[in-house]
């Protein structure tokens, strides 16, 4: 009998597995851009632990193994800045990235008062761009040569009404 992937809040105990998975997942991105000094490949464990403590982070688990993760922080104006959506290469193309992103958006809107979601994606990162577009993200003006910033509004709470 197979196991199901579960999504839960990431804890400090997940930091090492997340960092190893991040290193694995960003190899392709580094190759795509010819830059192996990108932040996800050089991030120290202490910095990741600080991110997990200060923001909102989720993990996808298959049994005890972390096979996906996503993190974000919400600024004072209610903008949630998403970072490091990663899925183990063997788990890709099964909707796990979309599930993680949806769960994070829901959590940020409900528990962190996020009013908008924002993510920056490399111009050559076609899979990430398709995922974001499919979830309703639209490019903001003023993109750089290397990155595109995408944004979308958080949904209104279920009890909200329009006038």
N, C-alpha and C. Protein backbone atom coordinates (compact mmCIF):
# COMPACT_ATOMS: atom_id res chain seq x y z
N UNK A 1 0.84 -1.18 0.00
CA UNK A 1 0.00 0.00 0.00
C UNK A 1 0.88 1.24 0.00
N UNK A 2 0.59 2.24 -0.87
CA UNK A 2 1.38 3.44 -0.97
C UNK A 2 1.04 4.44 0.12
N UNK A 3 1.97 5.37 0.34
CA UNK A 3 1.76 6.43 1.32
C UNK A 3 1.25 7.68 0.62
N UNK A 4 0.53 8.48 1.36
CA UNK A 4 0.06 9.76 0.86
C UNK A 4 1.00 10.87 1.30
N UNK A 5 1.09 11.90 0.47
CA UNK A 5 1.87 13.07 0.83
C UNK A 5 0.99 13.95 1.71
N UNK A 6 1.54 14.38 2.84
CA UNK A 6 0.83 15.28 3.74
C UNK A 6 1.53 16.63 3.76
N UNK A 7 0.77 17.68 3.96
CA UNK A 7 1.32 19.03 4.04
C UNK A 7 1.08 19.54 5.45
N UNK A 8 2.15 20.06 6.08
CA UNK A 8 2.07 20.54 7.45
C UNK A 8 3.00 21.72 7.65
N UNK A 9 2.85 22.38 8.78
CA UNK A 9 3.74 23.47 9.14
C UNK A 9 5.15 22.94 9.33
N UNK A 10 6.13 23.64 8.78
CA UNK A 10 7.53 23.25 8.95
C UNK A 10 8.00 23.68 10.33
N UNK A 11 8.80 22.84 10.92
CA UNK A 11 9.38 23.16 12.22
C UNK A 11 10.89 23.19 12.15
N UNK A 12 11.50 23.59 13.24
CA UNK A 12 12.96 23.66 13.29
C UNK A 12 13.59 22.30 12.99
N UNK A 13 12.93 21.23 13.39
CA UNK A 13 13.45 19.88 13.13
C UNK A 13 13.49 19.54 11.64
N UNK A 14 12.75 20.29 10.83
CA UNK A 14 12.73 20.05 9.38
C UNK A 14 13.84 20.80 8.64
N UNK A 15 14.52 21.69 9.31
CA UNK A 15 15.47 22.59 8.65
C UNK A 15 16.54 21.86 7.83
N UNK A 16 17.15 20.84 8.40
CA UNK A 16 18.21 20.14 7.67
C UNK A 16 17.68 19.46 6.42
N UNK A 17 16.52 18.80 6.51
CA UNK A 17 15.94 18.14 5.34
C UNK A 17 15.55 19.16 4.28
N UNK A 18 15.00 20.30 4.71
CA UNK A 18 14.62 21.35 3.76
C UNK A 18 15.86 21.87 3.05
N UNK A 19 16.93 22.13 3.81
CA UNK A 19 18.15 22.66 3.21
C UNK A 19 18.74 21.68 2.19
N UNK A 20 18.76 20.40 2.51
CA UNK A 20 19.27 19.39 1.56
C UNK A 20 18.40 19.32 0.32
N UNK A 21 17.09 19.37 0.50
CA UNK A 21 16.17 19.34 -0.63
C UNK A 21 16.32 20.60 -1.48
N UNK A 22 16.47 21.73 -0.82
CA UNK A 22 16.67 23.00 -1.53
C UNK A 22 17.92 22.92 -2.40
N UNK A 23 18.99 22.38 -1.84
CA UNK A 23 20.24 22.26 -2.59
C UNK A 23 20.03 21.36 -3.82
N UNK A 24 19.34 20.27 -3.66
CA UNK A 24 19.05 19.37 -4.77
C UNK A 24 18.19 20.06 -5.83
N UNK A 25 17.13 20.72 -5.38
CA UNK A 25 16.16 21.31 -6.31
C UNK A 25 16.70 22.49 -7.09
N UNK A 26 17.60 23.24 -6.53
CA UNK A 26 18.10 24.44 -7.21
C UNK A 26 19.31 24.17 -8.10
N UNK A 27 19.74 22.93 -8.23
CA UNK A 27 20.83 22.61 -9.15
C UNK A 27 20.43 22.95 -10.59
N UNK A 28 19.22 22.58 -10.97
CA UNK A 28 18.74 22.86 -12.32
C UNK A 28 18.63 24.34 -12.59
N UNK A 29 18.18 25.09 -11.60
CA UNK A 29 18.07 26.54 -11.74
C UNK A 29 19.46 27.15 -11.93
N UNK A 30 20.42 26.69 -11.15
CA UNK A 30 21.79 27.19 -11.26
C UNK A 30 22.37 26.88 -12.64
N UNK A 31 22.10 25.68 -13.13
CA UNK A 31 22.58 25.30 -14.46
C UNK A 31 21.91 26.15 -15.54
N UNK A 32 20.62 26.37 -15.39
CA UNK A 32 19.86 27.17 -16.35
C UNK A 32 20.44 28.57 -16.52
N UNK A 33 20.91 29.14 -15.42
CA UNK A 33 21.45 30.50 -15.44
C UNK A 33 22.98 30.54 -15.43
N UNK A 34 23.61 29.37 -15.33
CA UNK A 34 25.07 29.34 -15.29
C UNK A 34 25.64 30.02 -14.06
N UNK A 35 24.94 29.91 -12.94
CA UNK A 35 25.35 30.59 -11.71
C UNK A 35 25.11 29.67 -10.52
N UNK A 36 26.17 29.08 -10.01
CA UNK A 36 26.06 28.17 -8.87
C UNK A 36 26.25 28.89 -7.54
N UNK A 37 26.26 30.22 -7.58
CA UNK A 37 26.39 30.98 -6.34
C UNK A 37 25.05 31.59 -5.92
N UNK A 38 23.95 31.10 -6.51
CA UNK A 38 22.64 31.65 -6.15
C UNK A 38 22.34 31.36 -4.68
N UNK A 39 21.55 32.23 -4.08
CA UNK A 39 21.28 32.18 -2.64
C UNK A 39 20.79 30.81 -2.14
N UNK A 40 19.87 30.13 -2.84
CA UNK A 40 19.42 28.84 -2.31
C UNK A 40 20.52 27.78 -2.20
N UNK A 41 21.57 27.93 -3.00
CA UNK A 41 22.67 26.96 -2.94
C UNK A 41 23.74 27.35 -1.93
N UNK A 42 23.70 28.56 -1.44
CA UNK A 42 24.73 29.02 -0.50
C UNK A 42 24.16 29.37 0.87
N UNK A 43 22.85 29.22 1.04
CA UNK A 43 22.22 29.59 2.30
C UNK A 43 22.71 28.71 3.44
N UNK A 44 23.18 29.32 4.52
CA UNK A 44 23.59 28.52 5.69
C UNK A 44 22.38 27.99 6.46
N UNK A 45 22.58 26.92 7.17
CA UNK A 45 21.52 26.30 7.96
C UNK A 45 20.95 27.29 8.98
N UNK A 46 21.79 28.08 9.60
CA UNK A 46 21.32 29.06 10.60
C UNK A 46 20.36 30.07 9.97
N UNK A 47 20.65 30.51 8.76
CA UNK A 47 19.77 31.47 8.07
C UNK A 47 18.43 30.83 7.74
N UNK A 48 18.44 29.57 7.33
CA UNK A 48 17.19 28.87 7.05
C UNK A 48 16.38 28.71 8.33
N UNK A 49 17.03 28.35 9.41
CA UNK A 49 16.32 28.21 10.69
C UNK A 49 15.66 29.53 11.09
N UNK A 50 16.36 30.64 10.87
CA UNK A 50 15.80 31.95 11.19
C UNK A 50 14.58 32.24 10.32
N UNK A 51 14.65 31.89 9.04
CA UNK A 51 13.49 32.07 8.14
C UNK A 51 12.30 31.27 8.62
N UNK A 52 12.55 30.03 9.02
CA UNK A 52 11.46 29.17 9.49
C UNK A 52 10.83 29.74 10.75
N UNK A 53 11.64 30.34 11.62
CA UNK A 53 11.13 30.89 12.87
C UNK A 53 10.36 32.18 12.66
N UNK A 54 10.78 32.98 11.68
CA UNK A 54 10.19 34.31 11.49
C UNK A 54 9.02 34.36 10.52
N UNK A 55 8.93 33.41 9.61
CA UNK A 55 7.90 33.48 8.58
C UNK A 55 6.90 32.36 8.70
N UNK A 56 6.33 32.03 7.58
CA UNK A 56 5.39 30.92 7.47
C UNK A 56 6.01 29.91 6.51
N UNK A 57 6.16 28.69 6.95
CA UNK A 57 6.78 27.66 6.11
C UNK A 57 5.98 26.37 6.22
N UNK A 58 5.82 25.72 5.08
CA UNK A 58 5.13 24.43 5.03
C UNK A 58 6.06 23.39 4.43
N UNK A 59 5.84 22.16 4.81
CA UNK A 59 6.56 21.03 4.20
C UNK A 59 5.55 20.01 3.70
N UNK A 60 5.95 19.31 2.66
CA UNK A 60 5.20 18.15 2.17
C UNK A 60 6.01 16.94 2.58
N UNK A 61 5.37 15.99 3.22
CA UNK A 61 6.06 14.80 3.70
C UNK A 61 5.48 13.55 3.04
N UNK A 62 6.38 12.66 2.70
CA UNK A 62 6.02 11.31 2.27
C UNK A 62 6.60 10.42 3.35
N UNK A 63 5.75 9.98 4.27
CA UNK A 63 6.26 9.31 5.47
C UNK A 63 7.03 10.33 6.29
N UNK A 64 8.29 10.02 6.60
CA UNK A 64 9.13 10.93 7.38
C UNK A 64 9.99 11.83 6.50
N UNK A 65 9.96 11.61 5.19
CA UNK A 65 10.82 12.36 4.28
C UNK A 65 10.16 13.65 3.82
N UNK A 66 10.89 14.76 3.90
CA UNK A 66 10.42 16.03 3.35
C UNK A 66 10.66 15.98 1.85
N UNK A 67 9.57 16.05 1.07
CA UNK A 67 9.66 15.97 -0.39
C UNK A 67 9.25 17.28 -1.07
N UNK A 68 8.90 18.27 -0.26
CA UNK A 68 8.55 19.58 -0.79
C UNK A 68 8.48 20.59 0.32
N UNK A 69 8.60 21.85 -0.05
CA UNK A 69 8.52 22.92 0.94
C UNK A 69 8.26 24.25 0.24
N UNK A 70 7.70 25.18 0.99
CA UNK A 70 7.50 26.55 0.52
C UNK A 70 7.53 27.46 1.74
N UNK A 71 8.06 28.68 1.54
CA UNK A 71 8.16 29.64 2.64
C UNK A 71 7.69 31.02 2.17
N UNK A 72 7.30 31.84 3.15
CA UNK A 72 6.91 33.21 2.85
C UNK A 72 6.98 34.03 4.12
N UNK A 73 7.02 35.34 3.92
CA UNK A 73 6.90 36.28 5.03
C UNK A 73 5.92 37.36 4.60
N UNK A 74 5.24 37.95 5.57
CA UNK A 74 4.25 38.98 5.30
C UNK A 74 4.75 40.29 5.89
N UNK A 75 4.78 41.34 5.05
CA UNK A 75 5.25 42.63 5.54
C UNK A 75 4.10 43.40 6.21
N UNK A 76 4.41 44.57 6.75
CA UNK A 76 3.43 45.36 7.50
C UNK A 76 2.24 45.80 6.66
N UNK A 77 2.42 45.90 5.34
CA UNK A 77 1.31 46.31 4.47
C UNK A 77 0.44 45.14 4.02
N UNK A 78 0.76 43.93 4.47
CA UNK A 78 -0.05 42.77 4.11
C UNK A 78 0.38 42.06 2.84
N UNK A 79 1.57 42.39 2.33
CA UNK A 79 2.08 41.71 1.14
C UNK A 79 2.90 40.50 1.58
N UNK A 80 2.47 39.34 1.13
CA UNK A 80 3.18 38.10 1.42
C UNK A 80 4.18 37.84 0.30
N UNK A 81 5.44 37.77 0.65
CA UNK A 81 6.50 37.52 -0.32
C UNK A 81 6.86 36.04 -0.23
N UNK A 82 6.56 35.31 -1.30
CA UNK A 82 6.78 33.87 -1.33
C UNK A 82 8.21 33.57 -1.76
N UNK A 83 8.75 32.50 -1.20
CA UNK A 83 10.13 32.12 -1.51
C UNK A 83 10.28 30.60 -1.49
N UNK A 84 11.20 30.15 -2.28
CA UNK A 84 11.69 28.77 -2.21
C UNK A 84 10.61 27.70 -2.25
N UNK A 85 9.81 27.69 -3.29
CA UNK A 85 8.88 26.58 -3.52
C UNK A 85 9.70 25.47 -4.16
N UNK A 86 9.86 24.36 -3.44
CA UNK A 86 10.69 23.26 -3.93
C UNK A 86 9.93 21.95 -3.83
N UNK A 87 10.15 21.10 -4.82
CA UNK A 87 9.56 19.76 -4.84
C UNK A 87 10.65 18.80 -5.31
N UNK A 88 10.81 17.71 -4.60
CA UNK A 88 11.82 16.71 -4.96
C UNK A 88 11.62 16.30 -6.42
N UNK A 89 12.70 16.17 -7.18
CA UNK A 89 12.57 15.83 -8.60
C UNK A 89 11.72 14.59 -8.89
N UNK A 90 11.76 13.59 -8.04
CA UNK A 90 10.97 12.39 -8.30
C UNK A 90 9.48 12.58 -8.01
N UNK A 91 9.13 13.69 -7.36
CA UNK A 91 7.74 13.97 -7.00
C UNK A 91 7.11 15.03 -7.90
N UNK A 92 7.86 15.53 -8.86
CA UNK A 92 7.34 16.59 -9.72
C UNK A 92 6.33 16.03 -10.71
N UNK A 93 5.52 16.94 -11.25
CA UNK A 93 4.51 16.63 -12.27
C UNK A 93 3.33 15.83 -11.70
N UNK A 94 3.11 15.98 -10.38
CA UNK A 94 1.97 15.32 -9.74
C UNK A 94 1.09 16.32 -9.00
N UNK A 95 1.32 17.62 -9.22
CA UNK A 95 0.51 18.65 -8.59
C UNK A 95 0.93 19.06 -7.20
N UNK A 96 2.05 18.55 -6.72
CA UNK A 96 2.48 18.85 -5.36
C UNK A 96 2.87 20.32 -5.21
N UNK A 97 3.52 20.91 -6.19
CA UNK A 97 3.87 22.33 -6.12
C UNK A 97 2.63 23.20 -5.99
N UNK A 98 1.62 22.90 -6.78
CA UNK A 98 0.36 23.63 -6.71
C UNK A 98 -0.34 23.45 -5.37
N UNK A 99 -0.29 22.24 -4.83
CA UNK A 99 -0.90 21.99 -3.51
C UNK A 99 -0.18 22.77 -2.43
N UNK A 100 1.16 22.80 -2.48
CA UNK A 100 1.93 23.55 -1.50
C UNK A 100 1.61 25.04 -1.60
N UNK A 101 1.59 25.56 -2.81
CA UNK A 101 1.32 26.98 -3.01
C UNK A 101 -0.09 27.34 -2.53
N UNK A 102 -1.07 26.53 -2.85
CA UNK A 102 -2.45 26.78 -2.40
C UNK A 102 -2.55 26.75 -0.88
N UNK A 103 -1.90 25.78 -0.26
CA UNK A 103 -1.94 25.67 1.21
C UNK A 103 -1.27 26.88 1.86
N UNK A 104 -0.16 27.33 1.29
CA UNK A 104 0.54 28.50 1.84
C UNK A 104 -0.32 29.75 1.70
N UNK A 105 -0.90 29.94 0.53
CA UNK A 105 -1.76 31.12 0.31
C UNK A 105 -2.91 31.12 1.32
N UNK A 106 -3.54 29.98 1.50
CA UNK A 106 -4.65 29.88 2.45
C UNK A 106 -4.20 30.23 3.86
N UNK A 107 -3.08 29.68 4.26
CA UNK A 107 -2.54 29.94 5.61
C UNK A 107 -2.17 31.40 5.79
N UNK A 108 -1.52 31.99 4.78
CA UNK A 108 -1.10 33.39 4.88
C UNK A 108 -2.31 34.33 4.97
N UNK A 109 -3.34 34.05 4.20
CA UNK A 109 -4.54 34.89 4.23
C UNK A 109 -5.27 34.75 5.57
N UNK A 110 -5.37 33.54 6.07
CA UNK A 110 -6.13 33.28 7.29
C UNK A 110 -5.38 33.68 8.55
N UNK A 111 -4.12 33.31 8.65
CA UNK A 111 -3.38 33.47 9.90
C UNK A 111 -2.43 34.66 9.94
N UNK A 112 -2.11 35.22 8.79
CA UNK A 112 -1.11 36.30 8.75
C UNK A 112 -1.64 37.57 8.08
N UNK A 113 -2.94 37.63 7.83
CA UNK A 113 -3.60 38.80 7.26
C UNK A 113 -2.99 39.25 5.93
N UNK A 114 -2.54 38.31 5.13
CA UNK A 114 -2.00 38.66 3.81
C UNK A 114 -3.12 39.19 2.93
N UNK A 115 -2.84 40.31 2.26
CA UNK A 115 -3.82 40.89 1.34
C UNK A 115 -3.40 40.70 -0.11
N UNK A 116 -2.11 40.49 -0.33
CA UNK A 116 -1.58 40.24 -1.68
C UNK A 116 -0.47 39.20 -1.55
N UNK A 117 -0.28 38.45 -2.63
CA UNK A 117 0.82 37.48 -2.71
C UNK A 117 1.76 37.92 -3.81
N UNK A 118 3.05 37.87 -3.54
CA UNK A 118 4.06 38.30 -4.53
C UNK A 118 5.17 37.26 -4.58
N UNK A 119 5.65 37.02 -5.79
CA UNK A 119 6.76 36.08 -5.98
C UNK A 119 7.63 36.57 -7.12
N UNK A 120 8.93 36.40 -7.00
CA UNK A 120 9.86 36.71 -8.09
C UNK A 120 10.37 35.41 -8.67
N UNK A 121 10.35 35.33 -10.00
CA UNK A 121 10.71 34.11 -10.71
C UNK A 121 11.69 34.46 -11.81
N UNK A 122 12.68 33.62 -12.00
CA UNK A 122 13.63 33.83 -13.10
C UNK A 122 12.92 33.74 -14.44
N UNK A 123 13.31 34.60 -15.36
CA UNK A 123 12.67 34.64 -16.69
C UNK A 123 12.74 33.31 -17.43
N UNK A 124 13.77 32.53 -17.18
CA UNK A 124 13.93 31.25 -17.89
C UNK A 124 13.26 30.09 -17.16
N UNK A 125 12.69 30.34 -16.02
CA UNK A 125 12.10 29.29 -15.19
C UNK A 125 10.65 29.02 -15.64
N UNK A 126 10.52 28.37 -16.78
CA UNK A 126 9.22 28.18 -17.41
C UNK A 126 8.22 27.42 -16.55
N UNK A 127 8.68 26.40 -15.84
CA UNK A 127 7.76 25.61 -15.01
C UNK A 127 7.19 26.48 -13.90
N UNK A 128 8.05 27.25 -13.24
CA UNK A 128 7.58 28.13 -12.16
C UNK A 128 6.64 29.21 -12.69
N UNK A 129 6.97 29.77 -13.84
CA UNK A 129 6.11 30.79 -14.43
C UNK A 129 4.73 30.23 -14.79
N UNK A 130 4.70 29.01 -15.33
CA UNK A 130 3.42 28.37 -15.66
C UNK A 130 2.60 28.10 -14.40
N UNK A 131 3.27 27.61 -13.35
CA UNK A 131 2.58 27.33 -12.10
C UNK A 131 1.94 28.60 -11.55
N UNK A 132 2.71 29.68 -11.51
CA UNK A 132 2.20 30.94 -10.98
C UNK A 132 1.06 31.49 -11.83
N UNK A 133 1.20 31.44 -13.14
CA UNK A 133 0.15 31.93 -14.03
C UNK A 133 -1.13 31.10 -13.82
N UNK A 134 -0.97 29.80 -13.66
CA UNK A 134 -2.12 28.93 -13.44
C UNK A 134 -2.84 29.20 -12.13
N UNK A 135 -2.14 29.79 -11.18
CA UNK A 135 -2.73 30.12 -9.88
C UNK A 135 -3.18 31.57 -9.81
N UNK A 136 -3.15 32.28 -10.96
CA UNK A 136 -3.69 33.63 -11.00
C UNK A 136 -2.72 34.76 -10.81
N UNK A 137 -1.44 34.47 -10.76
CA UNK A 137 -0.43 35.53 -10.61
C UNK A 137 -0.22 36.22 -11.95
N UNK A 138 -0.05 37.54 -11.90
CA UNK A 138 0.18 38.34 -13.10
C UNK A 138 1.45 39.16 -12.91
N UNK A 139 2.19 39.38 -13.99
CA UNK A 139 3.45 40.15 -13.88
C UNK A 139 3.19 41.61 -13.50
N UNK A 140 4.08 42.13 -12.67
CA UNK A 140 4.06 43.55 -12.34
C UNK A 140 4.95 44.29 -13.33
N UNK A 141 4.72 45.55 -13.50
CA UNK A 141 5.57 46.37 -14.39
C UNK A 141 6.95 46.49 -13.77
N UNK A 142 7.93 46.73 -14.62
CA UNK A 142 9.29 47.00 -14.14
C UNK A 142 10.11 45.76 -13.86
N UNK A 143 9.88 44.67 -14.56
CA UNK A 143 10.66 43.46 -14.36
C UNK A 143 12.10 43.69 -14.77
N UNK A 144 13.00 43.01 -14.12
CA UNK A 144 14.42 43.11 -14.47
C UNK A 144 14.72 42.17 -15.64
N UNK A 145 15.94 42.23 -16.11
CA UNK A 145 16.34 41.37 -17.22
C UNK A 145 16.34 39.90 -16.81
N UNK A 146 16.58 39.63 -15.53
CA UNK A 146 16.69 38.25 -15.07
C UNK A 146 15.44 37.74 -14.37
N UNK A 147 14.67 38.62 -13.74
CA UNK A 147 13.55 38.21 -12.91
C UNK A 147 12.25 38.87 -13.33
N UNK A 148 11.16 38.16 -13.08
CA UNK A 148 9.82 38.70 -13.26
C UNK A 148 9.14 38.61 -11.90
N UNK A 149 8.55 39.71 -11.46
CA UNK A 149 7.80 39.70 -10.22
C UNK A 149 6.33 39.58 -10.57
N UNK A 150 5.68 38.62 -9.94
CA UNK A 150 4.28 38.33 -10.18
C UNK A 150 3.51 38.56 -8.90
N UNK A 151 2.24 38.93 -9.05
CA UNK A 151 1.44 39.23 -7.87
C UNK A 151 -0.02 38.90 -8.12
N UNK A 152 -0.73 38.64 -7.04
CA UNK A 152 -2.18 38.47 -7.11
C UNK A 152 -2.77 38.85 -5.76
N UNK A 153 -4.05 39.25 -5.77
CA UNK A 153 -4.70 39.58 -4.51
C UNK A 153 -5.06 38.31 -3.76
N UNK A 154 -5.09 38.42 -2.44
CA UNK A 154 -5.58 37.32 -1.62
C UNK A 154 -7.10 37.27 -1.78
N UNK A 155 -7.68 36.10 -1.72
CA UNK A 155 -9.15 36.04 -1.82
C UNK A 155 -9.79 36.69 -0.60
N UNK A 156 -11.01 37.20 -0.80
CA UNK A 156 -11.75 37.75 0.33
C UNK A 156 -12.13 36.62 1.28
N UNK A 157 -12.15 36.90 2.57
CA UNK A 157 -12.60 35.87 3.51
C UNK A 157 -14.02 35.41 3.17
N UNK A 158 -14.32 34.17 3.50
CA UNK A 158 -15.62 33.59 3.16
C UNK A 158 -16.79 34.41 3.73
N UNK A 159 -16.60 35.06 4.87
CA UNK A 159 -17.69 35.81 5.50
C UNK A 159 -17.78 37.24 4.97
N UNK A 160 -16.82 37.67 4.14
CA UNK A 160 -16.85 39.03 3.60
C UNK A 160 -17.94 39.17 2.56
N UNK A 161 -18.55 40.31 2.53
CA UNK A 161 -19.56 40.58 1.50
C UNK A 161 -19.16 41.80 0.73
N UNK A 162 -19.67 41.90 -0.47
CA UNK A 162 -19.37 43.07 -1.28
C UNK A 162 -20.58 43.98 -1.28
N UNK A 163 -20.34 45.27 -1.39
CA UNK A 163 -21.44 46.25 -1.35
C UNK A 163 -21.92 46.55 -2.75
